[in-house]
Amino acid sequence: MKRVISSLLIATALVGSAIQPAAARDHHHHYNTGRVIAGGVAAGVVGGLIGGAIANSGPRYVDGPRYVEPAPRCWYEDRDVRNRYDGGYHTETVRVCE
């Protein structure tokens, strides 16, 4: 029902703006003080409000709470690492995670 009413409102606005009285068509724009611009801005604001209401009128889907595994606990340790060139050992800082 909302869509029917909003469609009728939009159609009425379009037809009303397309049909002008004869006096308005024959009027020369010598005394234009910005009423046309203000009318256009007002029509844009009203159209935006109506369009936004129509666009946001649908159902909303919200995800429920989900289980999220906690991130692993990590730290850095100094460990002895075998040196592949001469068979000895050296100390490196290594990231260790649980």
Protein backbone atom coordinates (compact mmCIF):
# COMPACT_ATOMS: atom_id res chain seq x y z
CA MET A 1 0.00 0.00 0.00
CA LYS A 2 2.89 2.34 0.74
CA ARG A 3 4.26 1.86 -2.76
CA VAL A 4 0.91 2.64 -4.36
CA ILE A 5 0.48 5.84 -2.36
CA SER A 6 4.05 6.97 -2.98
CA SER A 7 3.71 6.22 -6.70
CA LEU A 8 0.53 8.30 -6.83
CA LEU A 9 2.26 11.18 -5.02
CA ILE A 10 5.20 11.10 -7.40
CA ALA A 11 2.94 10.89 -10.46
CA THR A 12 0.86 13.82 -9.18
CA ALA A 13 3.98 15.90 -8.63
CA LEU A 14 5.30 15.14 -12.11
CA VAL A 15 2.00 15.87 -13.84
CA GLY A 16 1.47 19.02 -11.78
CA SER A 17 4.87 20.37 -12.73
CA ALA A 18 4.37 19.51 -16.41
CA ILE A 19 1.02 21.30 -16.69
CA GLN A 20 1.44 25.03 -16.27
CA PRO A 21 -1.25 27.70 -16.35
CA ALA A 22 -1.29 29.86 -19.44
CA ALA A 23 -0.40 32.95 -17.43
CA ALA A 24 2.72 31.30 -16.10
CA ARG A 25 3.83 30.24 -19.58
CA ASP A 26 3.35 33.67 -21.07
CA HIS A 27 4.92 35.51 -18.15
CA HIS A 28 8.23 37.10 -18.94
CA HIS A 29 10.88 36.48 -16.32
CA HIS A 30 11.70 40.13 -15.69
CA TYR A 31 10.51 40.01 -12.08
CA ASN A 32 12.02 36.67 -11.14
CA THR A 33 13.32 37.04 -7.61
CA GLY A 34 14.52 33.46 -7.11
CA ARG A 35 11.14 31.88 -6.45
CA VAL A 36 11.79 29.34 -9.19
CA ILE A 37 15.12 28.32 -7.69
CA ALA A 38 13.60 28.09 -4.20
CA GLY A 39 10.77 25.96 -5.58
CA GLY A 40 13.26 23.64 -7.27
CA VAL A 41 15.31 23.29 -4.09
CA ALA A 42 12.17 22.58 -2.05
CA ALA A 43 11.00 20.00 -4.58
CA GLY A 44 14.42 18.32 -4.46
CA VAL A 45 14.37 18.18 -0.67
CA VAL A 46 10.84 16.76 -0.57
CA GLY A 47 11.67 14.26 -3.31
CA GLY A 48 14.79 13.18 -1.43
CA LEU A 49 12.81 12.66 1.76
CA ILE A 50 10.15 10.62 -0.03
CA GLY A 51 12.73 8.59 -1.97
CA GLY A 52 14.76 7.91 1.18
CA ALA A 53 11.65 6.76 3.03
CA ILE A 54 10.75 4.41 0.19
CA ALA A 55 14.27 3.03 -0.07
CA ASN A 56 14.53 2.36 3.68
CA SER A 57 11.10 0.83 4.11
CA GLY A 58 12.19 -2.78 3.45
CA PRO A 59 12.97 -5.41 6.06
CA ARG A 60 16.25 -5.27 7.90
CA TYR A 61 18.35 -8.33 8.49
CA VAL A 62 20.66 -8.36 11.49
CA ASP A 63 23.17 -11.10 12.16
CA GLY A 64 22.89 -12.69 15.56
CA PRO A 65 25.81 -13.04 17.93
CA ARG A 66 28.47 -15.43 16.70
CA TYR A 67 31.24 -17.22 18.52
CA VAL A 68 34.60 -15.82 17.58
CA GLU A 69 37.70 -17.68 18.64
CA PRO A 70 40.12 -15.50 20.55
CA ALA A 71 43.36 -14.62 18.86
CA PRO A 72 46.33 -16.81 19.84
CA ARG A 73 48.55 -15.46 22.59
CA CYS A 74 51.96 -14.67 21.12
CA TRP A 75 55.26 -13.37 22.46
CA TYR A 76 58.91 -13.16 21.43
CA GLU A 77 61.69 -15.32 22.87
CA ASP A 78 65.40 -15.59 22.28
CA ARG A 79 66.20 -19.15 21.16
CA ASP A 80 69.33 -20.93 20.06
CA VAL A 81 69.13 -21.79 16.37
CA ARG A 82 71.56 -24.10 14.59
CA ASN A 83 73.73 -22.33 12.06
CA ARG A 84 73.59 -24.28 8.81
CA TYR A 85 76.99 -23.08 7.53
CA ASP A 86 79.37 -24.10 10.25
CA GLY A 87 77.23 -26.39 12.44
CA GLY A 88 77.32 -24.00 15.41
CA TYR A 89 74.50 -22.19 17.16
CA HIS A 90 73.46 -18.56 17.33
CA THR A 91 70.65 -16.73 19.15
CA GLU A 92 67.64 -15.39 17.27
CA THR A 93 64.50 -13.67 18.46
CA VAL A 94 61.57 -15.92 17.49
CA ARG A 95 57.82 -15.30 17.73
CA VAL A 96 56.14 -18.04 19.78
CA CYS A 97 52.34 -18.53 19.85
CA GLU A 98 50.16 -20.84 21.96
